[in-house]
PDB file of N, CA and C in Angstrom:
ATOM      1  N   MET A   1       8.789  10.158  33.877  1.00  0.00           N
ATOM      2  CA  MET A   1       7.821  10.568  32.252  1.00  0.00           C
ATOM      3  C   MET A   1       9.196  10.192  31.016  1.00  0.00           C
ATOM      4  N   SER A   2       9.223   8.670  30.958  1.00  0.00           N
ATOM      5  CA  SER A   2      10.125   8.390  29.505  1.00  0.00           C
ATOM      6  C   SER A   2      10.107   8.906  28.953  1.00  0.00           C
ATOM      7  N   THR A   3      11.526   8.508  27.667  1.00  0.00           N
ATOM      8  CA  THR A   3      11.321   9.894  26.569  1.00  0.00           C
ATOM      9  C   THR A   3      11.058   9.155  25.213  1.00  0.00           C
ATOM     10  N   GLU A   4       9.903   8.298  25.562  1.00  0.00           N
ATOM     11  CA  GLU A   4       9.606   7.866  24.929  1.00  0.00           C
ATOM     12  C   GLU A   4       8.087   8.513  25.420  1.00  0.00           C
ATOM     13  N   ASP A   5       7.088   9.106  24.766  1.00  0.00           N
ATOM     14  CA  ASP A   5       5.888  10.360  25.378  1.00  0.00           C
ATOM     15  C   ASP A   5       5.718  11.769  25.097  1.00  0.00           C
ATOM     16  N   ARG A   6       7.468  12.007  25.416  1.00  0.00           N
ATOM     17  CA  ARG A   6       7.943  13.344  26.061  1.00  0.00           C
ATOM     18  C   ARG A   6       9.072  13.643  24.333  1.00  0.00           C
ATOM     19  N   ASP A   7       9.994  12.695  23.998  1.00  0.00           N
ATOM     20  CA  ASP A   7      10.702  13.636  23.296  1.00  0.00           C
ATOM     21  C   ASP A   7      10.525  13.216  21.272  1.00  0.00           C
ATOM     22  N   TRP A   8       9.660  11.548  21.511  1.00  0.00           N
ATOM     23  CA  TRP A   8       8.944  10.694  20.499  1.00  0.00           C
ATOM     24  C   TRP A   8       8.365   9.905  20.671  1.00  0.00           C
ATOM     25  N   GLN A   9       7.118   8.973  20.231  1.00  0.00           N
ATOM     26  CA  GLN A   9       6.255   8.719  20.220  1.00  0.00           C
ATOM     27  C   GLN A   9       6.051   7.341  19.440  1.00  0.00           C
ATOM     28  N   ARG A  10       5.951   5.778  19.562  1.00  0.00           N
ATOM     29  CA  ARG A  10       5.414   4.715  18.208  1.00  0.00           C
ATOM     30  C   ARG A  10       4.352   5.429  17.359  1.00  0.00           C
ATOM     31  N   VAL A  11       4.867   5.341  16.330  1.00  0.00           N
ATOM     32  CA  VAL A  11       3.655   5.589  15.435  1.00  0.00           C
ATOM     33  C   VAL A  11       2.305   4.641  15.605  1.00  0.00           C
ATOM     34  N   ASP A  12       2.252   3.747  15.927  1.00  0.00           N
ATOM     35  CA  ASP A  12       0.714   3.333  15.777  1.00  0.00           C
ATOM     36  C   ASP A  12       0.350   3.279  17.529  1.00  0.00           C
ATOM     37  N   LYS A  13       1.327   3.803  18.786  1.00  0.00           N
ATOM     38  CA  LYS A  13       0.439   4.586  19.582  1.00  0.00           C
ATOM     39  C   LYS A  13      -0.346   6.045  19.204  1.00  0.00           C
ATOM     40  N   TRP A  14       0.825   6.744  18.844  1.00  0.00           N
ATOM     41  CA  TRP A  14      -0.554   8.274  18.309  1.00  0.00           C
ATOM     42  C   TRP A  14      -1.372   8.205  16.939  1.00  0.00           C
ATOM     43  N   LEU A  15      -1.268   6.837  16.774  1.00  0.00           N
ATOM     44  CA  LEU A  15      -2.554   6.958  15.151  1.00  0.00           C
ATOM     45  C   LEU A  15      -3.404   6.464  16.310  1.00  0.00           C
ATOM     46  N   TRP A  16      -3.569   5.870  17.313  1.00  0.00           N
ATOM     47  CA  TRP A  16      -4.097   5.236  17.769  1.00  0.00           C
ATOM     48  C   TRP A  16      -5.259   6.503  19.176  1.00  0.00           C
ATOM     49  N   CYS A  17      -4.226   7.004  19.936  1.00  0.00           N
ATOM     50  CA  CYS A  17      -4.678   8.465  20.955  1.00  0.00           C
ATOM     51  C   CYS A  17      -5.390   9.369  19.072  1.00  0.00           C
ATOM     52  N   ALA A  18      -4.706   9.656  18.099  1.00  0.00           N
ATOM     53  CA  ALA A  18      -5.688  11.157  17.783  1.00  0.00           C
ATOM     54  C   ALA A  18      -6.536   9.987  17.029  1.00  0.00           C
ATOM     55  N   ARG A  19      -6.804   8.851  17.144  1.00  0.00           N
ATOM     56  CA  ARG A  19      -8.276   8.473  16.387  1.00  0.00           C
ATOM     57  C   ARG A  19      -8.605   7.998  15.518  1.00  0.00           C
ATOM     58  N   PHE A  20      -7.435   7.399  14.418  1.00  0.00           N
ATOM     59  CA  PHE A  20      -7.358   7.088  13.070  1.00  0.00           C
ATOM     60  C   PHE A  20      -8.142   5.664  13.321  1.00  0.00           C
ATOM     61  N   MET A  21      -7.950   5.066  14.098  1.00  0.00           N
ATOM     62  CA  MET A  21      -8.609   3.630  13.730  1.00  0.00           C
ATOM     63  C   MET A  21      -9.084   3.387  15.587  1.00  0.00           C
ATOM     64  N   LYS A  22     -10.170   2.702  15.730  1.00  0.00           N
ATOM     65  CA  LYS A  22     -10.446   2.278  17.532  1.00  0.00           C
ATOM     66  C   LYS A  22     -10.031   1.255  18.644  1.00  0.00           C
ATOM     67  N   ALA A  23      -8.569   1.050  17.529  1.00  0.00           N
ATOM     68  CA  ALA A  23      -7.769  -0.132  18.285  1.00  0.00           C
ATOM     69  C   ALA A  23      -6.722   0.069  17.977  1.00  0.00           C
ATOM     70  N   ARG A  24      -5.679   0.011  18.791  1.00  0.00           N
ATOM     71  CA  ARG A  24      -4.491   0.337  18.688  1.00  0.00           C
ATOM     72  C   ARG A  24      -3.769  -1.165  17.638  1.00  0.00           C
ATOM     73  N   SER A  25      -4.617  -2.331  17.763  1.00  0.00           N
ATOM     74  CA  SER A  25      -3.686  -3.050  16.603  1.00  0.00           C
ATOM     75  C   SER A  25      -4.293  -3.007  15.820  1.00  0.00           C
ATOM     76  N   ASP A  26      -5.204  -2.577  15.100  1.00  0.00           N
ATOM     77  CA  ASP A  26      -5.592  -1.970  14.290  1.00  0.00           C
ATOM     78  C   ASP A  26      -4.501  -1.094  13.284  1.00  0.00           C
ATOM     79  N   CYS A  27      -3.803   0.035  14.565  1.00  0.00           N
ATOM     80  CA  CYS A  27      -2.658   0.975  13.145  1.00  0.00           C
ATOM     81  C   CYS A  27      -2.158   0.106  13.761  1.00  0.00           C
ATOM     82  N   ALA A  28      -1.348  -0.840  14.475  1.00  0.00           N
ATOM     83  CA  ALA A  28      -0.207  -1.515  14.699  1.00  0.00           C
ATOM     84  C   ALA A  28      -0.311  -2.542  12.931  1.00  0.00           C
ATOM     85  N   ARG A  29      -1.125  -2.797  12.721  1.00  0.00           N
ATOM     86  CA  ARG A  29      -2.000  -3.250  11.176  1.00  0.00           C
ATOM     87  C   ARG A  29      -1.460  -2.684  10.099  1.00  0.00           C
ATOM     88  N   LEU A  30      -2.153  -1.433  10.303  1.00  0.00           N
ATOM     89  CA  LEU A  30      -2.277  -0.793   9.267  1.00  0.00           C
ATOM     90  C   LEU A  30      -0.687  -0.447   9.069  1.00  0.00           C
ATOM     91  N   VAL A  31       0.201   0.232   9.134  1.00  0.00           N
ATOM     92  CA  VAL A  31       1.654   0.303   9.843  1.00  0.00           C
ATOM     93  C   VAL A  31       2.404  -0.887   8.982  1.00  0.00           C
ATOM     94  N   ALA A  32       1.895  -2.068   9.661  1.00  0.00           N
ATOM     95  CA  ALA A  32       2.465  -3.217   8.888  1.00  0.00           C
ATOM     96  C   ALA A  32       1.623  -3.803   7.770  1.00  0.00           C
ATOM     97  N   ASP A  33       1.016  -3.342   7.062  1.00  0.00           N
ATOM     98  CA  ASP A  33       1.024  -3.572   5.711  1.00  0.00           C
ATOM     99  C   ASP A  33       1.460  -2.316   4.830  1.00  0.00           C
ATOM    100  N   GLY A  34       1.978  -1.629   5.200  1.00  0.00           N
ATOM    101  CA  GLY A  34       2.578  -0.704   4.131  1.00  0.00           C
ATOM    102  C   GLY A  34       1.417   0.425   4.163  1.00  0.00           C
ATOM    103  N   ALA A  35       0.774   1.041   4.680  1.00  0.00           N
ATOM    104  CA  ALA A  35       0.308   1.177   4.742  1.00  0.00           C
ATOM    105  C   ALA A  35       0.301   3.494   4.956  1.00  0.00           C
ATOM    106  N   LEU A  36       1.615   3.208   5.371  1.00  0.00           N
ATOM    107  CA  LEU A  36       1.901   4.656   5.675  1.00  0.00           C
ATOM    108  C   LEU A  36       3.081   5.306   5.609  1.00  0.00           C
ATOM    109  N   ARG A  37       3.712   6.100   5.326  1.00  0.00           N
ATOM    110  CA  ARG A  37       5.057   7.423   5.306  1.00  0.00           C
ATOM    111  C   ARG A  37       5.133   8.053   6.295  1.00  0.00           C
ATOM    112  N   ILE A  38       7.005   7.782   6.472  1.00  0.00           N
ATOM    113  CA  ILE A  38       7.050   9.325   7.664  1.00  0.00           C
ATOM    114  C   ILE A  38       8.113  10.120   6.772  1.00  0.00           C
ATOM    115  N   ASN A  39       7.790  11.099   6.964  1.00  0.00           N
ATOM    116  CA  ASN A  39       8.506  12.594   5.550  1.00  0.00           C
ATOM    117  C   ASN A  39       8.720  11.190   4.299  1.00  0.00           C
ATOM    118  N   ARG A  40       8.305  11.063   3.924  1.00  0.00           N
ATOM    119  CA  ARG A  40       8.117  10.344   2.409  1.00  0.00           C
ATOM    120  C   ARG A  40       8.974   9.282   2.638  1.00  0.00           C
ATOM    121  N   GLN A  41       9.708   8.417   3.792  1.00  0.00           N
ATOM    122  CA  GLN A  41       9.689   6.977   3.863  1.00  0.00           C
ATOM    123  C   GLN A  41       9.147   6.213   4.393  1.00  0.00           C
ATOM    124  N   PRO A  42       9.379   5.576   3.106  1.00  0.00           N
ATOM    125  CA  PRO A  42       7.994   4.131   3.359  1.00  0.00           C
ATOM    126  C   PRO A  42       7.684   3.107   4.908  1.00  0.00           C
ATOM    127  N   THR A  43       7.795   2.930   6.109  1.00  0.00           N
ATOM    128  CA  THR A  43       7.758   1.977   6.750  1.00  0.00           C
ATOM    129  C   THR A  43       6.571   1.218   7.505  1.00  0.00           C
ATOM    130  N   ASP A  44       6.798   0.431   7.623  1.00  0.00           N
ATOM    131  CA  ASP A  44       6.197  -1.337   8.223  1.00  0.00           C
ATOM    132  C   ASP A  44       6.534  -1.121   9.428  1.00  0.00           C
ATOM    133  N   LYS A  45       6.921  -0.368  10.618  1.00  0.00           N
ATOM    134  CA  LYS A  45       7.491  -0.926  11.686  1.00  0.00           C
ATOM    135  C   LYS A  45       6.540   0.049  12.095  1.00  0.00           C
ATOM    136  N   PRO A  46       5.574  -0.627  13.041  1.00  0.00           N
ATOM    137  CA  PRO A  46       4.330  -0.018  14.620  1.00  0.00           C
ATOM    138  C   PRO A  46       5.452   0.353  15.402  1.00  0.00           C
ATOM    139  N   HIS A  47       6.223   0.140  15.738  1.00  0.00           N
ATOM    140  CA  HIS A  47       7.521   0.644  16.479  1.00  0.00           C
ATOM    141  C   HIS A  47       8.335   2.199  15.941  1.00  0.00           C
ATOM    142  N   ALA A  48       7.963   2.595  14.938  1.00  0.00           N
ATOM    143  CA  ALA A  48       9.163   3.424  13.839  1.00  0.00           C
ATOM    144  C   ALA A  48       8.957   4.708  15.057  1.00  0.00           C
ATOM    145  N   ARG A  49      10.043   5.466  15.211  1.00  0.00           N
ATOM    146  CA  ARG A  49       9.553   7.041  16.078  1.00  0.00           C
ATOM    147  C   ARG A  49       8.851   7.982  15.213  1.00  0.00           C
ATOM    148  N   LEU A  50       7.803   8.572  15.691  1.00  0.00           N
ATOM    149  CA  LEU A  50       7.177   9.940  15.400  1.00  0.00           C
ATOM    150  C   LEU A  50       7.641  11.246  16.397  1.00  0.00           C
ATOM    151  N   ARG A  51       8.241  12.194  15.540  1.00  0.00           N
ATOM    152  CA  ARG A  51       8.484  13.135  17.031  1.00  0.00           C
ATOM    153  C   ARG A  51       7.474  14.822  16.159  1.00  0.00           C
ATOM    154  N   PRO A  52       6.926  16.162  16.536  1.00  0.00           N
ATOM    155  CA  PRO A  52       6.552  16.966  15.967  1.00  0.00           C
ATOM    156  C   PRO A  52       7.038  17.189  14.931  1.00  0.00           C
ATOM    157  N   GLY A  53       6.170  17.837  14.245  1.00  0.00           N
ATOM    158  CA  GLY A  53       6.621  18.481  12.787  1.00  0.00           C
ATOM    159  C   GLY A  53       7.084  17.300  11.933  1.00  0.00           C
ATOM    160  N   ASP A  54       6.713  15.514  12.178  1.00  0.00           N
ATOM    161  CA  ASP A  54       6.714  15.244  11.235  1.00  0.00           C
ATOM    162  C   ASP A  54       5.072  14.766   9.638  1.00  0.00           C
ATOM    163  N   ILE A  55       6.121  14.755   8.916  1.00  0.00           N
ATOM    164  CA  ILE A  55       4.463  14.755   7.893  1.00  0.00           C
ATOM    165  C   ILE A  55       4.172  12.997   7.709  1.00  0.00           C
ATOM    166  N   VAL A  56       3.390  12.404   7.511  1.00  0.00           N
ATOM    167  CA  VAL A  56       2.724  11.044   7.872  1.00  0.00           C
ATOM    168  C   VAL A  56       1.299  10.779   7.022  1.00  0.00           C
ATOM    169  N   THR A  57       2.302  10.385   5.780  1.00  0.00           N
ATOM    170  CA  THR A  57       0.683   9.771   4.469  1.00  0.00           C
ATOM    171  C   THR A  57       0.003   8.528   4.839  1.00  0.00           C
ATOM    172  N   LEU A  58      -0.386   8.529   4.987  1.00  0.00           N
ATOM    173  CA  LEU A  58      -1.695   7.258   5.601  1.00  0.00           C
ATOM    174  C   LEU A  58      -2.792   7.227   4.351  1.00  0.00           C
ATOM    175  N   ALA A  59      -2.749   6.041   3.931  1.00  0.00           N
ATOM    176  CA  ALA A  59      -4.016   5.341   3.251  1.00  0.00           C
ATOM    177  C   ALA A  59      -4.648   3.879   4.020  1.00  0.00           C
ATOM    178  N   LEU A  60      -5.873   4.979   4.187  1.00  0.00           N
ATOM    179  CA  LEU A  60      -7.592   4.616   4.919  1.00  0.00           C
ATOM    180  C   LEU A  60      -8.142   4.807   4.020  1.00  0.00           C
ATOM    181  N   ARG A  61      -9.476   3.703   4.569  1.00  0.00           N
ATOM    182  CA  ARG A  61     -10.569   3.897   4.095  1.00  0.00           C
ATOM    183  C   ARG A  61     -10.198   4.303   2.434  1.00  0.00           C
ATOM    184  N   GLY A  62     -10.110   4.155   1.064  1.00  0.00           N
ATOM    185  CA  GLY A  62      -9.632   4.455   0.424  1.00  0.00           C
ATOM    186  C   GLY A  62      -9.510   5.517  -0.221  1.00  0.00           C
ATOM    187  N   GLU A  63      -8.761   6.339   1.012  1.00  0.00           N
ATOM    188  CA  GLU A  63      -8.832   7.985   0.046  1.00  0.00           C
ATOM    189  C   GLU A  63      -6.579   7.966   1.216  1.00  0.00           C
ATOM    190  N   VAL A  64      -5.814   9.563   1.102  1.00  0.00           N
ATOM    191  CA  VAL A  64      -4.580   9.245   0.508  1.00  0.00           C
ATOM    192  C   VAL A  64      -4.470  10.645   1.587  1.00  0.00           C
ATOM    193  N   ARG A  65      -4.544  10.853   3.607  1.00  0.00           N
ATOM    194  CA  ARG A  65      -4.380  11.682   4.026  1.00  0.00           C
ATOM    195  C   ARG A  65      -2.963  11.576   4.307  1.00  0.00           C
ATOM    196  N   VAL A  66      -2.772  13.342   4.163  1.00  0.00           N
ATOM    197  CA  VAL A  66      -1.737  13.695   4.805  1.00  0.00           C
ATOM    198  C   VAL A  66      -1.594  14.617   5.996  1.00  0.00           C
ATOM    199  N   ILE A  67      -1.097  14.686   6.777  1.00  0.00           N
ATOM    200  CA  ILE A  67      -1.218  15.039   8.067  1.00  0.00           C
ATOM    201  C   ILE A  67       0.036  15.460   8.829  1.00  0.00           C
ATOM    202  N   GLU A  68       0.437  16.423   9.341  1.00  0.00           N
ATOM    203  CA  GLU A  68       1.796  17.021   9.571  1.00  0.00           C
ATOM    204  C   GLU A  68       1.596  17.117  11.533  1.00  0.00           C
ATOM    205  N   VAL A  69       2.493  16.104  12.591  1.00  0.00           N
ATOM    206  CA  VAL A  69       2.352  16.042  13.818  1.00  0.00           C
ATOM    207  C   VAL A  69       2.359  17.479  14.367  1.00  0.00           C
ATOM    208  N   LEU A  70       1.928  17.792  15.369  1.00  0.00           N
ATOM    209  CA  LEU A  70       1.666  18.975  15.772  1.00  0.00           C
ATOM    210  C   LEU A  70       2.176  18.921  17.588  1.00  0.00           C
ATOM    211  N   GLU A  71       1.545  17.360  17.909  1.00  0.00           N
ATOM    212  CA  GLU A  71       1.980  17.559  19.868  1.00  0.00           C
ATOM    213  C   GLU A  71       2.115  15.726  19.163  1.00  0.00           C
ATOM    214  N   LEU A  72       2.812  15.067  20.510  1.00  0.00           N
ATOM    215  CA  LEU A  72       2.648  14.231  20.594  1.00  0.00           C
ATOM    216  C   LEU A  72       1.191  13.657  22.349  1.00  0.00           C
ATOM    217  N   ALA A  73       1.360  12.208  21.925  1.00  0.00           N
ATOM    218  CA  ALA A  73      -0.578  12.046  22.787  1.00  0.00           C
ATOM    219  C   ALA A  73       0.476  11.769  24.354  1.00  0.00           C
ATOM    220  N   ALA A  74      -0.351  12.971  24.860  1.00  0.00           N
ATOM    221  CA  ALA A  74      -0.836  12.291  26.310  1.00  0.00           C
ATOM    222  C   ALA A  74      -1.352  10.838  26.938  1.00  0.00           C
ATOM    223  N   ARG A  75      -2.031  10.840  26.082  1.00  0.00           N
ATOM    224  CA  ARG A  75      -3.664   9.908  26.000  1.00  0.00           C
ATOM    225  C   ARG A  75      -4.582  10.094  25.295  1.00  0.00           C
ATOM    226  N   ARG A  76      -5.591   9.080  25.195  1.00  0.00           N
ATOM    227  CA  ARG A  76      -6.327   8.500  23.894  1.00  0.00           C
ATOM    228  C   ARG A  76      -7.422   9.609  24.970  1.00  0.00           C
ATOM    229  N   GLY A  77      -7.836  10.996  24.188  1.00  0.00           N
ATOM    230  CA  GLY A  77      -8.802  11.958  24.515  1.00  0.00           C
ATOM    231  C   GLY A  77      -9.908  11.691  23.715  1.00  0.00           C
ATOM    232  N   PRO A  78     -10.581  12.786  23.990  1.00  0.00           N
ATOM    233  CA  PRO A  78     -11.823  12.745  23.079  1.00  0.00           C
ATOM    234  C   PRO A  78     -11.383  13.799  21.745  1.00  0.00           C
ATOM    235  N   ALA A  79     -12.201  13.313  21.257  1.00  0.00           N
ATOM    236  CA  ALA A  79     -12.033  13.655  19.165  1.00  0.00           C
ATOM    237  C   ALA A  79     -11.776  14.772  19.709  1.00  0.00           C
ATOM    238  N   PRO A  80     -12.046  16.256  19.670  1.00  0.00           N
ATOM    239  CA  PRO A  80     -11.631  17.404  20.018  1.00  0.00           C
ATOM    240  C   PRO A  80     -10.032  17.538  20.348  1.00  0.00           C
ATOM    241  N   GLU A  81      -9.387  16.758  21.231  1.00  0.00           N
ATOM    242  CA  GLU A  81      -8.700  16.585  21.614  1.00  0.00           C
ATOM    243  C   GLU A  81      -7.511  16.084  20.937  1.00  0.00           C
ATOM    244  N   ALA A  82      -7.928  14.585  20.387  1.00  0.00           N
ATOM    245  CA  ALA A  82      -6.885  14.150  19.302  1.00  0.00           C
ATOM    246  C   ALA A  82      -7.050  14.964  17.822  1.00  0.00           C
ATOM    247  N   ARG A  83      -8.109  15.437  17.536  1.00  0.00           N
ATOM    248  CA  ARG A  83      -7.920  16.730  16.648  1.00  0.00           C
ATOM    249  C   ARG A  83      -6.981  17.801  16.709  1.00  0.00           C
ATOM    250  N   ALA A  84      -6.533  17.925  18.121  1.00  0.00           N
ATOM    251  CA  ALA A  84      -5.243  19.144  18.314  1.00  0.00           C
ATOM    252  C   ALA A  84      -4.452  18.490  17.788  1.00  0.00           C
ATOM    253  N   LEU A  85      -3.724  17.100  18.316  1.00  0.00           N
ATOM    254  CA  LEU A  85      -2.620  16.298  17.620  1.00  0.00           C
ATOM    255  C   LEU A  85      -2.394  16.415  16.450  1.00  0.00           C
ATOM    256  N   TYR A  86      -2.373  16.870  14.991  1.00  0.00           N
ATOM    257  CA  TYR A  86      -2.319  16.851  13.906  1.00  0.00           C
ATOM    258  C   TYR A  86      -3.511  18.199  13.348  1.00  0.00           C
ATOM    259  N   ARG A  87      -2.708  18.354  11.620  1.00  0.00           N
ATOM    260  CA  ARG A  87      -2.692  19.150  10.699  1.00  0.00           C
ATOM    261  C   ARG A  87      -3.060  18.664   9.299  1.00  0.00           C
ATOM    262  N   GLU A  88      -3.897  18.629   8.587  1.00  0.00           N
ATOM    263  CA  GLU A  88      -4.785  18.258   7.755  1.00  0.00           C
ATOM    264  C   GLU A  88      -3.474  19.555   6.539  1.00  0.00           C
ATOM    265  N   ILE A  89      -3.331  18.057   6.057  1.00  0.00           N
ATOM    266  CA  ILE A  89      -2.206  19.088   4.494  1.00  0.00           C
ATOM    267  C   ILE A  89      -3.071  18.715   3.178  1.00  0.00           C
ATOM    268  N   PRO A  90      -3.436  19.253   2.656  1.00  0.00           N
ATOM    269  CA  PRO A  90      -4.723  19.077   1.580  1.00  0.00           C
ATOM    270  C   PRO A  90      -3.700  18.975   0.778  1.00  0.00           C
ATOM    271  N   SER A  91      -4.646  18.195   0.100  1.00  0.00           N
ATOM    272  CA  SER A  91      -4.447  17.394  -0.878  1.00  0.00           C
ATOM    273  C   SER A  91      -3.447  18.520  -2.395  1.00  0.00           C
ATOM    274  N   THR A  92      -2.873  18.377  -3.372  1.00  0.00           N
ATOM    275  CA  THR A  92      -3.443  18.994  -4.544  1.00  0.00           C
ATOM    276  C   THR A  92      -3.437  18.058  -5.690  1.00  0.00           C
TER     277      THR A  92
END
């Protein structure tokens, strides 16, 4: 197993495995368009490293979602498995 997927994961790959979008290319485009922050830092790099404990702020479908990364994805699995990868943080 490579260092990627064990210690960190590309943000576009993680978003795809967590089922935020249907295609990985759509996830990469979302990041490249600047619709995402990792730990409050804007990023437009689909290859940005994501680690457990990171907070992702995501503008998606007209709403802003704040998500804590709980686990890295081993694969793109069914929806219940994908939901176990993160915890939604309610907006205040």
